[in-house]
PDB file of N, CA and C in Angstrom:
ATOM      1  N   MET A   1      25.887-106.031  58.597  1.00  0.00           N
ATOM      2  CA  MET A   1      24.881-105.005  58.854  1.00  0.00           C
ATOM      3  C   MET A   1      23.801-105.568  59.777  1.00  0.00           C
ATOM      4  N   ILE A   2      23.509-104.840  60.804  1.00  0.00           N
ATOM      5  CA  ILE A   2      22.486-105.281  61.736  1.00  0.00           C
ATOM      6  C   ILE A   2      21.133-104.704  61.354  1.00  0.00           C
ATOM      7  N   ARG A   3      21.077-103.392  61.109  1.00  0.00           N
ATOM      8  CA  ARG A   3      19.847-102.728  60.671  1.00  0.00           C
ATOM      9  C   ARG A   3      20.196-101.742  59.572  1.00  0.00           C
ATOM     10  N   GLU A   4      19.181-101.364  58.811  1.00  0.00           N
ATOM     11  CA  GLU A   4      19.347-100.292  57.836  1.00  0.00           C
ATOM     12  C   GLU A   4      18.300 -99.236  58.142  1.00  0.00           C
ATOM     13  N   VAL A   5      18.713 -97.979  58.168  1.00  0.00           N
ATOM     14  CA  VAL A   5      17.792 -96.877  58.412  1.00  0.00           C
ATOM     15  C   VAL A   5      17.572 -96.151  57.088  1.00  0.00           C
ATOM     16  N   ILE A   6      16.303 -95.985  56.725  1.00  0.00           N
ATOM     17  CA  ILE A   6      15.963 -95.216  55.529  1.00  0.00           C
ATOM     18  C   ILE A   6      14.950 -94.141  55.923  1.00  0.00           C
ATOM     19  N   PHE A   7      14.715 -93.205  55.014  1.00  0.00           N
ATOM     20  CA  PHE A   7      13.769 -92.128  55.275  1.00  0.00           C
ATOM     21  C   PHE A   7      12.507 -92.337  54.452  1.00  0.00           C
ATOM     22  N   TYR A   8      11.377 -92.188  55.095  1.00  0.00           N
ATOM     23  CA  TYR A   8      10.081 -92.245  54.436  1.00  0.00           C
ATOM     24  C   TYR A   8      10.012 -91.174  53.347  1.00  0.00           C
ATOM     25  N   GLU A   9       9.379 -91.532  52.226  1.00  0.00           N
ATOM     26  CA  GLU A   9       9.122 -90.564  51.168  1.00  0.00           C
ATOM     27  C   GLU A   9       7.635 -90.542  50.867  1.00  0.00           C
ATOM     28  N   THR A  10       7.118 -89.344  50.607  1.00  0.00           N
ATOM     29  CA  THR A  10       5.711 -89.214  50.228  1.00  0.00           C
ATOM     30  C   THR A  10       5.542 -89.747  48.810  1.00  0.00           C
ATOM     31  N   ASP A  11       4.300 -89.861  48.397  1.00  0.00           N
ATOM     32  CA  ASP A  11       3.973 -90.283  47.039  1.00  0.00           C
ATOM     33  C   ASP A  11       4.653 -89.385  46.009  1.00  0.00           C
ATOM     34  N   ALA A  12       4.794 -88.100  46.346  1.00  0.00           N
ATOM     35  CA  ALA A  12       5.394 -87.122  45.431  1.00  0.00           C
ATOM     36  C   ALA A  12       6.921 -87.121  45.495  1.00  0.00           C
ATOM     37  N   GLY A  13       7.489 -87.983  46.360  1.00  0.00           N
ATOM     38  CA  GLY A  13       8.942 -88.086  46.440  1.00  0.00           C
ATOM     39  C   GLY A  13       9.600 -87.163  47.454  1.00  0.00           C
ATOM     40  N   HIS A  14       8.812 -86.511  48.307  1.00  0.00           N
ATOM     41  CA  HIS A  14       9.382 -85.651  49.354  1.00  0.00           C
ATOM     42  C   HIS A  14       9.768 -86.493  50.561  1.00  0.00           C
ATOM     43  N   SER A  15      10.879 -86.136  51.197  1.00  0.00           N
ATOM     44  CA  SER A  15      11.292 -86.812  52.420  1.00  0.00           C
ATOM     45  C   SER A  15      11.269 -85.815  53.574  1.00  0.00           C
ATOM     46  N   PRO A  16      10.219 -85.867  54.406  1.00  0.00           N
ATOM     47  CA  PRO A  16      10.116 -84.922  55.522  1.00  0.00           C
ATOM     48  C   PRO A  16      11.324 -84.972  56.462  1.00  0.00           C
ATOM     49  N   VAL A  17      11.890 -86.161  56.665  1.00  0.00           N
ATOM     50  CA  VAL A  17      13.040 -86.279  57.569  1.00  0.00           C
ATOM     51  C   VAL A  17      14.269 -85.627  56.942  1.00  0.00           C
ATOM     52  N   GLU A  18      14.502 -85.858  55.661  1.00  0.00           N
ATOM     53  CA  GLU A  18      15.631 -85.202  54.988  1.00  0.00           C
ATOM     54  C   GLU A  18      15.474 -83.691  55.012  1.00  0.00           C
ATOM     55  N   GLU A  19      14.248 -83.224  54.786  1.00  0.00           N
ATOM     56  CA  GLU A  19      14.000 -81.776  54.825  1.00  0.00           C
ATOM     57  C   GLU A  19      14.292 -81.222  56.216  1.00  0.00           C
ATOM     58  N   PHE A  20      13.953 -81.972  57.261  1.00  0.00           N
ATOM     59  CA  PHE A  20      14.272 -81.548  58.626  1.00  0.00           C
ATOM     60  C   PHE A  20      15.787 -81.529  58.833  1.00  0.00           C
ATOM     61  N   LEU A  21      16.474 -82.568  58.368  1.00  0.00           N
ATOM     62  CA  LEU A  21      17.933 -82.636  58.531  1.00  0.00           C
ATOM     63  C   LEU A  21      18.621 -81.439  57.880  1.00  0.00           C
ATOM     64  N   ASP A  22      18.072 -80.974  56.757  1.00  0.00           N
ATOM     65  CA  ASP A  22      18.647 -79.821  56.058  1.00  0.00           C
ATOM     66  C   ASP A  22      18.595 -78.545  56.886  1.00  0.00           C
ATOM     67  N   THR A  23      17.737 -78.497  57.919  1.00  0.00           N
ATOM     68  CA  THR A  23      17.618 -77.301  58.757  1.00  0.00           C
ATOM     69  C   THR A  23      18.623 -77.312  59.915  1.00  0.00           C
ATOM     70  N   LEU A  24      19.285 -78.441  60.139  1.00  0.00           N
ATOM     71  CA  LEU A  24      20.195 -78.558  61.278  1.00  0.00           C
ATOM     72  C   LEU A  24      21.547 -77.923  60.978  1.00  0.00           C
ATOM     73  N   SER A  25      22.225 -77.489  62.037  1.00  0.00           N
ATOM     74  CA  SER A  25      23.595 -76.994  61.882  1.00  0.00           C
ATOM     75  C   SER A  25      24.499 -78.196  61.570  1.00  0.00           C
ATOM     76  N   THR A  26      25.707 -77.910  61.135  1.00  0.00           N
ATOM     77  CA  THR A  26      26.661 -78.984  60.826  1.00  0.00           C
ATOM     78  C   THR A  26      26.894 -79.869  62.044  1.00  0.00           C
ATOM     79  N   LYS A  27      27.086 -79.260  63.202  1.00  0.00           N
ATOM     80  CA  LYS A  27      27.319 -80.023  64.441  1.00  0.00           C
ATOM     81  C   LYS A  27      26.115 -80.911  64.770  1.00  0.00           C
ATOM     82  N   GLN A  28      24.907 -80.359  64.633  1.00  0.00           N
ATOM     83  CA  GLN A  28      23.691 -81.132  64.914  1.00  0.00           C
ATOM     84  C   GLN A  28      23.538 -82.284  63.921  1.00  0.00           C
ATOM     85  N   ALA A  29      23.827 -82.020  62.654  1.00  0.00           N
ATOM     86  CA  ALA A  29      23.711 -83.053  61.622  1.00  0.00           C
ATOM     87  C   ALA A  29      24.733 -84.167  61.845  1.00  0.00           C
ATOM     88  N   LEU A  30      25.943 -83.803  62.243  1.00  0.00           N
ATOM     89  CA  LEU A  30      26.975 -84.815  62.499  1.00  0.00           C
ATOM     90  C   LEU A  30      26.592 -85.715  63.666  1.00  0.00           C
ATOM     91  N   LYS A  31      26.074 -85.141  64.732  1.00  0.00           N
ATOM     92  CA  LYS A  31      25.661 -85.946  65.894  1.00  0.00           C
ATOM     93  C   LYS A  31      24.490 -86.849  65.503  1.00  0.00           C
ATOM     94  N   THR A  32      23.558 -86.312  64.718  1.00  0.00           N
ATOM     95  CA  THR A  32      22.417 -87.109  64.259  1.00  0.00           C
ATOM     96  C   THR A  32      22.903 -88.294  63.429  1.00  0.00           C
ATOM     97  N   ALA A  33      23.828 -88.054  62.507  1.00  0.00           N
ATOM     98  CA  ALA A  33      24.378 -89.135  61.673  1.00  0.00           C
ATOM     99  C   ALA A  33      25.064 -90.179  62.556  1.00  0.00           C
ATOM    100  N   TRP A  34      25.776 -89.734  63.585  1.00  0.00           N
ATOM    101  CA  TRP A  34      26.466 -90.649  64.494  1.00  0.00           C
ATOM    102  C   TRP A  34      25.460 -91.551  65.210  1.00  0.00           C
ATOM    103  N   VAL A  35      24.355 -90.962  65.694  1.00  0.00           N
ATOM    104  CA  VAL A  35      23.341 -91.751  66.406  1.00  0.00           C
ATOM    105  C   VAL A  35      22.647 -92.720  65.444  1.00  0.00           C
ATOM    106  N   ILE A  36      22.327 -92.264  64.237  1.00  0.00           N
ATOM    107  CA  ILE A  36      21.697 -93.159  63.255  1.00  0.00           C
ATOM    108  C   ILE A  36      22.637 -94.327  62.929  1.00  0.00           C
ATOM    109  N   ASN A  37      23.938 -94.055  62.828  1.00  0.00           N
ATOM    110  CA  ASN A  37      24.903 -95.143  62.595  1.00  0.00           C
ATOM    111  C   ASN A  37      24.919 -96.129  63.758  1.00  0.00           C
ATOM    112  N   LEU A  38      24.791 -95.635  64.992  1.00  0.00           N
ATOM    113  CA  LEU A  38      24.691 -96.532  66.161  1.00  0.00           C
ATOM    114  C   LEU A  38      23.509 -97.487  65.998  1.00  0.00           C
ATOM    115  N   VAL A  39      22.362 -96.919  65.615  1.00  0.00           N
ATOM    116  CA  VAL A  39      21.151 -97.722  65.451  1.00  0.00           C
ATOM    117  C   VAL A  39      21.368 -98.789  64.374  1.00  0.00           C
ATOM    118  N   GLU A  40      22.095 -98.422  63.328  1.00  0.00           N
ATOM    119  CA  GLU A  40      22.348 -99.388  62.248  1.00  0.00           C
ATOM    120  C   GLU A  40      23.345-100.471  62.658  1.00  0.00           C
ATOM    121  N   ASP A  41      24.359-100.094  63.436  1.00  0.00           N
ATOM    122  CA  ASP A  41      25.494-100.991  63.658  1.00  0.00           C
ATOM    123  C   ASP A  41      25.483-101.783  64.959  1.00  0.00           C
ATOM    124  N   MET A  42      24.735-101.335  65.960  1.00  0.00           N
ATOM    125  CA  MET A  42      24.751-102.029  67.252  1.00  0.00           C
ATOM    126  C   MET A  42      23.577-102.995  67.365  1.00  0.00           C
ATOM    127  N   GLY A  43      23.839-104.184  67.875  1.00  0.00           N
ATOM    128  CA  GLY A  43      22.769-105.148  68.093  1.00  0.00           C
ATOM    129  C   GLY A  43      21.785-104.636  69.127  1.00  0.00           C
ATOM    130  N   VAL A  44      22.308-104.200  70.267  1.00  0.00           N
ATOM    131  CA  VAL A  44      21.478-103.626  71.322  1.00  0.00           C
ATOM    132  C   VAL A  44      21.886-102.167  71.467  1.00  0.00           C
ATOM    133  N   VAL A  45      20.988-101.282  71.085  1.00  0.00           N
ATOM    134  CA  VAL A  45      21.272 -99.845  71.140  1.00  0.00           C
ATOM    135  C   VAL A  45      20.824 -99.311  72.497  1.00  0.00           C
ATOM    136  N   PRO A  46      21.681 -98.533  73.187  1.00  0.00           N
ATOM    137  CA  PRO A  46      21.262 -97.969  74.472  1.00  0.00           C
ATOM    138  C   PRO A  46      19.948 -97.185  74.340  1.00  0.00           C
ATOM    139  N   ALA A  47      19.080 -97.323  75.338  1.00  0.00           N
ATOM    140  CA  ALA A  47      17.751 -96.695  75.297  1.00  0.00           C
ATOM    141  C   ALA A  47      17.823 -95.173  75.208  1.00  0.00           C
ATOM    142  N   GLN A  48      18.944 -94.588  75.607  1.00  0.00           N
ATOM    143  CA  GLN A  48      19.040 -93.125  75.492  1.00  0.00           C
ATOM    144  C   GLN A  48      19.058 -92.692  74.023  1.00  0.00           C
ATOM    145  N   TYR A  49      19.334 -93.623  73.110  1.00  0.00           N
ATOM    146  CA  TYR A  49      19.385 -93.301  71.678  1.00  0.00           C
ATOM    147  C   TYR A  49      18.233 -93.900  70.862  1.00  0.00           C
ATOM    148  N   PHE A  50      17.718 -95.045  71.285  1.00  0.00           N
ATOM    149  CA  PHE A  50      16.741 -95.766  70.452  1.00  0.00           C
ATOM    150  C   PHE A  50      15.804 -96.522  71.368  1.00  0.00           C
ATOM    151  N   GLN A  51      14.502 -96.222  71.253  1.00  0.00           N
ATOM    152  CA  GLN A  51      13.567 -96.829  72.187  1.00  0.00           C
ATOM    153  C   GLN A  51      12.194 -96.983  71.544  1.00  0.00           C
ATOM    154  N   LYS A  52      11.535 -98.078  71.894  1.00  0.00           N
ATOM    155  CA  LYS A  52      10.158 -98.293  71.440  1.00  0.00           C
ATOM    156  C   LYS A  52       9.253 -97.351  72.222  1.00  0.00           C
ATOM    157  N   MET A  53       8.309 -96.731  71.510  1.00  0.00           N
ATOM    158  CA  MET A  53       7.413 -95.773  72.160  1.00  0.00           C
ATOM    159  C   MET A  53       6.159 -96.484  72.663  1.00  0.00           C
ATOM    160  N   ARG A  54       5.759 -96.155  73.877  1.00  0.00           N
ATOM    161  CA  ARG A  54       4.540 -96.717  74.444  1.00  0.00           C
ATOM    162  C   ARG A  54       3.319 -96.006  73.878  1.00  0.00           C
ATOM    163  N   SER A  55       2.193 -96.687  73.866  1.00  0.00           N
ATOM    164  CA  SER A  55       0.907 -96.119  73.441  1.00  0.00           C
ATOM    165  C   SER A  55       0.938 -95.566  72.018  1.00  0.00           C
ATOM    166  N   THR A  56       1.663 -96.262  71.138  1.00  0.00           N
ATOM    167  CA  THR A  56       1.688 -95.876  69.724  1.00  0.00           C
ATOM    168  C   THR A  56       1.458 -97.133  68.891  1.00  0.00           C
ATOM    169  N   ASP A  57       1.321 -96.942  67.585  1.00  0.00           N
ATOM    170  CA  ASP A  57       1.176 -98.063  66.656  1.00  0.00           C
ATOM    171  C   ASP A  57       2.568 -98.593  66.304  1.00  0.00           C
ATOM    172  N   ASP A  58       3.253 -99.170  67.303  1.00  0.00           N
ATOM    173  CA  ASP A  58       4.554 -99.791  67.099  1.00  0.00           C
ATOM    174  C   ASP A  58       5.609 -98.819  66.556  1.00  0.00           C
ATOM    175  N   LEU A  59       5.619 -97.594  67.072  1.00  0.00           N
ATOM    176  CA  LEU A  59       6.634 -96.621  66.661  1.00  0.00           C
ATOM    177  C   LEU A  59       7.863 -96.729  67.553  1.00  0.00           C
ATOM    178  N   TRP A  60       8.990 -96.377  66.988  1.00  0.00           N
ATOM    179  CA  TRP A  60      10.259 -96.301  67.702  1.00  0.00           C
ATOM    180  C   TRP A  60      10.761 -94.878  67.562  1.00  0.00           C
ATOM    181  N   GLU A  61      11.596 -94.439  68.518  1.00  0.00           N
ATOM    182  CA  GLU A  61      12.178 -93.116  68.368  1.00  0.00           C
ATOM    183  C   GLU A  61      13.685 -93.175  68.507  1.00  0.00           C
ATOM    184  N   ILE A  62      14.340 -92.408  67.647  1.00  0.00           N
ATOM    185  CA  ILE A  62      15.781 -92.177  67.756  1.00  0.00           C
ATOM    186  C   ILE A  62      15.914 -90.834  68.460  1.00  0.00           C
ATOM    187  N   ARG A  63      16.743 -90.814  69.502  1.00  0.00           N
ATOM    188  CA  ARG A  63      16.890 -89.620  70.334  1.00  0.00           C
ATOM    189  C   ARG A  63      18.280 -89.034  70.136  1.00  0.00           C
ATOM    190  N   VAL A  64      18.323 -87.746  69.827  1.00  0.00           N
ATOM    191  CA  VAL A  64      19.598 -87.061  69.617  1.00  0.00           C
ATOM    192  C   VAL A  64      19.612 -85.804  70.478  1.00  0.00           C
ATOM    193  N   LYS A  65      20.697 -85.642  71.243  1.00  0.00           N
ATOM    194  CA  LYS A  65      20.843 -84.447  72.079  1.00  0.00           C
ATOM    195  C   LYS A  65      22.148 -83.770  71.693  1.00  0.00           C
ATOM    196  N   VAL A  66      22.044 -82.490  71.327  1.00  0.00           N
ATOM    197  CA  VAL A  66      23.232 -81.725  70.938  1.00  0.00           C
ATOM    198  C   VAL A  66      23.186 -80.379  71.635  1.00  0.00           C
ATOM    199  N   ALA A  67      24.111 -80.150  72.547  1.00  0.00           N
ATOM    200  CA  ALA A  67      24.260 -78.848  73.213  1.00  0.00           C
ATOM    201  C   ALA A  67      22.916 -78.248  73.646  1.00  0.00           C
ATOM    202  N   GLY A  68      22.150 -78.993  74.400  1.00  0.00           N
ATOM    203  CA  GLY A  68      20.890 -78.463  74.917  1.00  0.00           C
ATOM    204  C   GLY A  68      19.704 -78.584  73.973  1.00  0.00           C
ATOM    205  N   ASN A  69      19.945 -78.926  72.727  1.00  0.00           N
ATOM    206  CA  ASN A  69      18.853 -79.158  71.781  1.00  0.00           C
ATOM    207  C   ASN A  69      18.549 -80.643  71.737  1.00  0.00           C
ATOM    208  N   ILE A  70      17.259 -80.981  71.720  1.00  0.00           N
ATOM    209  CA  ILE A  70      16.847 -82.381  71.675  1.00  0.00           C
ATOM    210  C   ILE A  70      16.043 -82.605  70.399  1.00  0.00           C
ATOM    211  N   PHE A  71      16.466 -83.593  69.632  1.00  0.00           N
ATOM    212  CA  PHE A  71      15.785 -83.928  68.390  1.00  0.00           C
ATOM    213  C   PHE A  71      15.244 -85.342  68.491  1.00  0.00           C
ATOM    214  N   ARG A  72      14.059 -85.548  67.898  1.00  0.00           N
ATOM    215  CA  ARG A  72      13.456 -86.875  67.881  1.00  0.00           C
ATOM    216  C   ARG A  72      13.151 -87.259  66.441  1.00  0.00           C
ATOM    217  N   PHE A  73      13.455 -88.500  66.131  1.00  0.00           N
ATOM    218  CA  PHE A  73      13.163 -89.074  64.818  1.00  0.00           C
ATOM    219  C   PHE A  73      12.259 -90.269  65.067  1.00  0.00           C
ATOM    220  N   LEU A  74      11.029 -90.196  64.589  1.00  0.00           N
ATOM    221  CA  LEU A  74      10.071 -91.266  64.821  1.00  0.00           C
ATOM    222  C   LEU A  74      10.022 -92.164  63.595  1.00  0.00           C
ATOM    223  N   GLY A  75       9.934 -93.467  63.842  1.00  0.00           N
ATOM    224  CA  GLY A  75       9.899 -94.397  62.731  1.00  0.00           C
ATOM    225  C   GLY A  75       9.345 -95.738  63.143  1.00  0.00           C
ATOM    226  N   PHE A  76       9.527 -96.703  62.257  1.00  0.00           N
ATOM    227  CA  PHE A  76       8.944 -98.025  62.459  1.00  0.00           C
ATOM    228  C   PHE A  76       9.793 -99.039  61.713  1.00  0.00           C
ATOM    229  N   PHE A  77       9.588-100.294  62.047  1.00  0.00           N
ATOM    230  CA  PHE A  77      10.299-101.380  61.373  1.00  0.00           C
ATOM    231  C   PHE A  77       9.484-101.890  60.183  1.00  0.00           C
ATOM    232  N   ASP A  78      10.186-102.185  59.104  1.00  0.00           N
ATOM    233  CA  ASP A  78       9.611-102.912  57.965  1.00  0.00           C
ATOM    234  C   ASP A  78      10.407-104.208  57.930  1.00  0.00           C
ATOM    235  N   GLY A  79       9.871-105.259  58.538  1.00  0.00           N
ATOM    236  CA  GLY A  79      10.625-106.500  58.702  1.00  0.00           C
ATOM    237  C   GLY A  79      11.522-106.391  59.936  1.00  0.00           C
ATOM    238  N   GLN A  80      12.537-107.229  59.993  1.00  0.00           N
ATOM    239  CA  GLN A  80      13.422-107.279  61.168  1.00  0.00           C
ATOM    240  C   GLN A  80      14.530-106.236  61.133  1.00  0.00           C
ATOM    241  N   LYS A  81      14.991-105.883  59.923  1.00  0.00           N
ATOM    242  CA  LYS A  81      16.223-105.117  59.813  1.00  0.00           C
ATOM    243  C   LYS A  81      16.073-103.694  59.300  1.00  0.00           C
ATOM    244  N   LEU A  82      14.924-103.366  58.711  1.00  0.00           N
ATOM    245  CA  LEU A  82      14.771-102.059  58.083  1.00  0.00           C
ATOM    246  C   LEU A  82      13.999-101.104  58.988  1.00  0.00           C
ATOM    247  N   VAL A  83      14.621 -99.983  59.332  1.00  0.00           N
ATOM    248  CA  VAL A  83      13.968 -98.946  60.125  1.00  0.00           C
ATOM    249  C   VAL A  83      13.638 -97.789  59.188  1.00  0.00           C
ATOM    250  N   VAL A  84      12.366 -97.414  59.136  1.00  0.00           N
ATOM    251  CA  VAL A  84      11.916 -96.325  58.273  1.00  0.00           C
ATOM    252  C   VAL A  84      11.586 -95.125  59.157  1.00  0.00           C
ATOM    253  N   LEU A  85      12.368 -94.047  59.028  1.00  0.00           N
ATOM    254  CA  LEU A  85      12.099 -92.842  59.806  1.00  0.00           C
ATOM    255  C   LEU A  85      11.077 -91.999  59.059  1.00  0.00           C
ATOM    256  N   SER A  86       9.964 -91.700  59.733  1.00  0.00           N
ATOM    257  CA  SER A  86       8.872 -91.033  59.039  1.00  0.00           C
ATOM    258  C   SER A  86       8.615 -89.608  59.511  1.00  0.00           C
ATOM    259  N   HIS A  87       9.182 -89.224  60.655  1.00  0.00           N
ATOM    260  CA  HIS A  87       8.941 -87.859  61.143  1.00  0.00           C
ATOM    261  C   HIS A  87      10.094 -87.429  62.033  1.00  0.00           C
ATOM    262  N   ALA A  88      10.417 -86.142  62.010  1.00  0.00           N
ATOM    263  CA  ALA A  88      11.484 -85.601  62.854  1.00  0.00           C
ATOM    264  C   ALA A  88      11.063 -84.225  63.355  1.00  0.00           C
ATOM    265  N   PHE A  89      11.505 -83.896  64.571  1.00  0.00           N
ATOM    266  CA  PHE A  89      11.174 -82.591  65.135  1.00  0.00           C
ATOM    267  C   PHE A  89      12.128 -82.271  66.274  1.00  0.00           C
ATOM    268  N   GLN A  90      12.169 -80.992  66.635  1.00  0.00           N
ATOM    269  CA  GLN A  90      12.933 -80.580  67.803  1.00  0.00           C
ATOM    270  C   GLN A  90      12.006 -80.658  69.000  1.00  0.00           C
ATOM    271  N   LYS A  91      12.457 -81.356  70.020  1.00  0.00           N
ATOM    272  CA  LYS A  91      11.612 -81.575  71.195  1.00  0.00           C
ATOM    273  C   LYS A  91      11.770 -80.401  72.158  1.00  0.00           C
ATOM    274  N   LYS A  92      10.635 -79.795  72.510  1.00  0.00           N
ATOM    275  CA  LYS A  92      10.666 -78.643  73.399  1.00  0.00           C
ATOM    276  C   LYS A  92       9.877 -78.882  74.682  1.00  0.00           C
ATOM    277  N   THR A  93       9.150 -79.994  74.752  1.00  0.00           N
ATOM    278  CA  THR A  93       8.343 -80.303  75.932  1.00  0.00           C
ATOM    279  C   THR A  93       8.725 -81.678  76.454  1.00  0.00           C
ATOM    280  N   GLN A  94       8.288 -81.982  77.661  1.00  0.00           N
ATOM    281  CA  GLN A  94       8.599 -83.271  78.278  1.00  0.00           C
ATOM    282  C   GLN A  94       8.009 -84.427  77.469  1.00  0.00           C
ATOM    283  N   LYS A  95       6.738 -84.284  77.091  1.00  0.00           N
ATOM    284  CA  LYS A  95       6.069 -85.356  76.363  1.00  0.00           C
ATOM    285  C   LYS A  95       6.177 -85.134  74.859  1.00  0.00           C
ATOM    286  N   THR A  96       6.250 -86.233  74.124  1.00  0.00           N
ATOM    287  CA  THR A  96       6.223 -86.137  72.669  1.00  0.00           C
ATOM    288  C   THR A  96       4.829 -85.665  72.249  1.00  0.00           C
ATOM    289  N   PRO A  97       4.763 -84.602  71.438  1.00  0.00           N
ATOM    290  CA  PRO A  97       3.446 -84.091  71.031  1.00  0.00           C
ATOM    291  C   PRO A  97       2.613 -85.160  70.322  1.00  0.00           C
ATOM    292  N   ARG A  98       1.355 -85.260  70.708  1.00  0.00           N
ATOM    293  CA  ARG A  98       0.437 -86.252  70.124  1.00  0.00           C
ATOM    294  C   ARG A  98       0.362 -86.086  68.598  1.00  0.00           C
ATOM    295  N   GLN A  99       0.409 -84.831  68.141  1.00  0.00           N
ATOM    296  CA  GLN A  99       0.354 -84.560  66.703  1.00  0.00           C
ATOM    297  C   GLN A  99       1.541 -85.200  65.973  1.00  0.00           C
ATOM    298  N   ALA A 100       2.720 -85.175  66.589  1.00  0.00           N
ATOM    299  CA  ALA A 100       3.909 -85.779  65.982  1.00  0.00           C
ATOM    300  C   ALA A 100       3.723 -87.291  65.853  1.00  0.00           C
ATOM    301  N   ILE A 101       3.151 -87.897  66.882  1.00  0.00           N
ATOM    302  CA  ILE A 101       2.908 -89.342  66.871  1.00  0.00           C
ATOM    303  C   ILE A 101       1.878 -89.687  65.788  1.00  0.00           C
ATOM    304  N   ARG A 102       0.792 -88.897  65.740  1.00  0.00           N
ATOM    305  CA  ARG A 102      -0.246 -89.149  64.722  1.00  0.00           C
ATOM    306  C   ARG A 102       0.319 -89.056  63.307  1.00  0.00           C
ATOM    307  N   LEU A 103       1.159 -88.053  63.073  1.00  0.00           N
ATOM    308  CA  LEU A 103       1.752 -87.866  61.750  1.00  0.00           C
ATOM    309  C   LEU A 103       2.655 -89.054  61.391  1.00  0.00           C
ATOM    310  N   ALA A 104       3.469 -89.498  62.336  1.00  0.00           N
ATOM    311  CA  ALA A 104       4.353 -90.643  62.088  1.00  0.00           C
ATOM    312  C   ALA A 104       3.539 -91.908  61.814  1.00  0.00           C
ATOM    313  N   GLU A 105       2.441 -92.105  62.551  1.00  0.00           N
ATOM    314  CA  GLU A 105       1.593 -93.284  62.344  1.00  0.00           C
ATOM    315  C   GLU A 105       0.889 -93.221  60.987  1.00  0.00           C
ATOM    316  N   GLU A 106       0.460 -92.025  60.604  1.00  0.00           N
ATOM    317  CA  GLU A 106      -0.201 -91.832  59.309  1.00  0.00           C
ATOM    318  C   GLU A 106       0.777 -92.157  58.163  1.00  0.00           C
ATOM    319  N   ARG A 107       2.014 -91.706  58.303  1.00  0.00           N
ATOM    320  CA  ARG A 107       3.031 -91.984  57.271  1.00  0.00           C
ATOM    321  C   ARG A 107       3.385 -93.467  57.244  1.00  0.00           C
ATOM    322  N   LYS A 108       3.347 -94.119  58.397  1.00  0.00           N
ATOM    323  CA  LYS A 108       3.594 -95.561  58.444  1.00  0.00           C
ATOM    324  C   LYS A 108       2.523 -96.295  57.642  1.00  0.00           C
ATOM    325  N   ARG A 109       1.257 -95.940  57.859  1.00  0.00           N
ATOM    326  CA  ARG A 109       0.174 -96.582  57.107  1.00  0.00           C
ATOM    327  C   ARG A 109       0.331 -96.332  55.609  1.00  0.00           C
ATOM    328  N   ASP A 110       0.677 -95.105  55.253  1.00  0.00           N
ATOM    329  CA  ASP A 110       0.883 -94.754  53.847  1.00  0.00           C
ATOM    330  C   ASP A 110       2.031 -95.567  53.244  1.00  0.00           C
ATOM    331  N   TYR A 111       3.127 -95.696  53.990  1.00  0.00           N
ATOM    332  CA  TYR A 111       4.295 -96.464  53.524  1.00  0.00           C
ATOM    333  C   TYR A 111       3.907 -97.895  53.210  1.00  0.00           C
ATOM    334  N   PHE A 112       3.211 -98.545  54.147  1.00  0.00           N
ATOM    335  CA  PHE A 112       2.849 -99.951  53.917  1.00  0.00           C
ATOM    336  C   PHE A 112       1.791-100.112  52.830  1.00  0.00           C
ATOM    337  N   ARG A 113       0.911 -99.122  52.709  1.00  0.00           N
ATOM    338  CA  ARG A 113      -0.096 -99.161  51.651  1.00  0.00           C
ATOM    339  C   ARG A 113       0.589 -99.110  50.271  1.00  0.00           C
ATOM    340  N   ARG A 114       1.622 -98.296  50.163  1.00  0.00           N
ATOM    341  CA  ARG A 114       2.307 -98.133  48.865  1.00  0.00           C
ATOM    342  C   ARG A 114       3.418 -99.155  48.630  1.00  0.00           C
ATOM    343  N   ASN A 115       3.859 -99.844  49.680  1.00  0.00           N
ATOM    344  CA  ASN A 115       4.988-100.758  49.541  1.00  0.00           C
ATOM    345  C   ASN A 115       4.618-102.219  49.763  1.00  0.00           C
ATOM    346  N   LYS A 116       3.360-102.546  49.568  1.00  0.00           N
ATOM    347  CA  LYS A 116       2.949-103.957  49.668  1.00  0.00           C
ATOM    348  C   LYS A 116       3.644-104.730  48.570  1.00  0.00           C
ATOM    349  N   LYS A 117       4.212-105.849  48.951  1.00  0.00           N
ATOM    350  CA  LYS A 117       4.960-106.645  47.963  1.00  0.00           C
ATOM    351  C   LYS A 117       4.075-107.765  47.449  1.00  0.00           C
TER     352      LYS A 117
END
């Protein structure tokens, strides 16, 4: 195993990314699972699928494109191997919405606050 991808959960046990995945069609969900598996299994993932985001608090994005629909999964690393996806949305504009970035960064802070070892 090269990396492990998990989904952020709120204090109440909700997973915003899982809830987003539940809204996708079967085809969209299958492509998303395929891309997430790439991120887990490949040492160097092509930038079209996985890329560090500029001007953020060390966020990364997983990029999924299915038949004209573009989905983004924002997350962060916990250590070297664990990727925590904290936010997901359908991308409709050229730039990633600032609100999406803020939400992902807020969830990152919450994750580390609650998961201090």
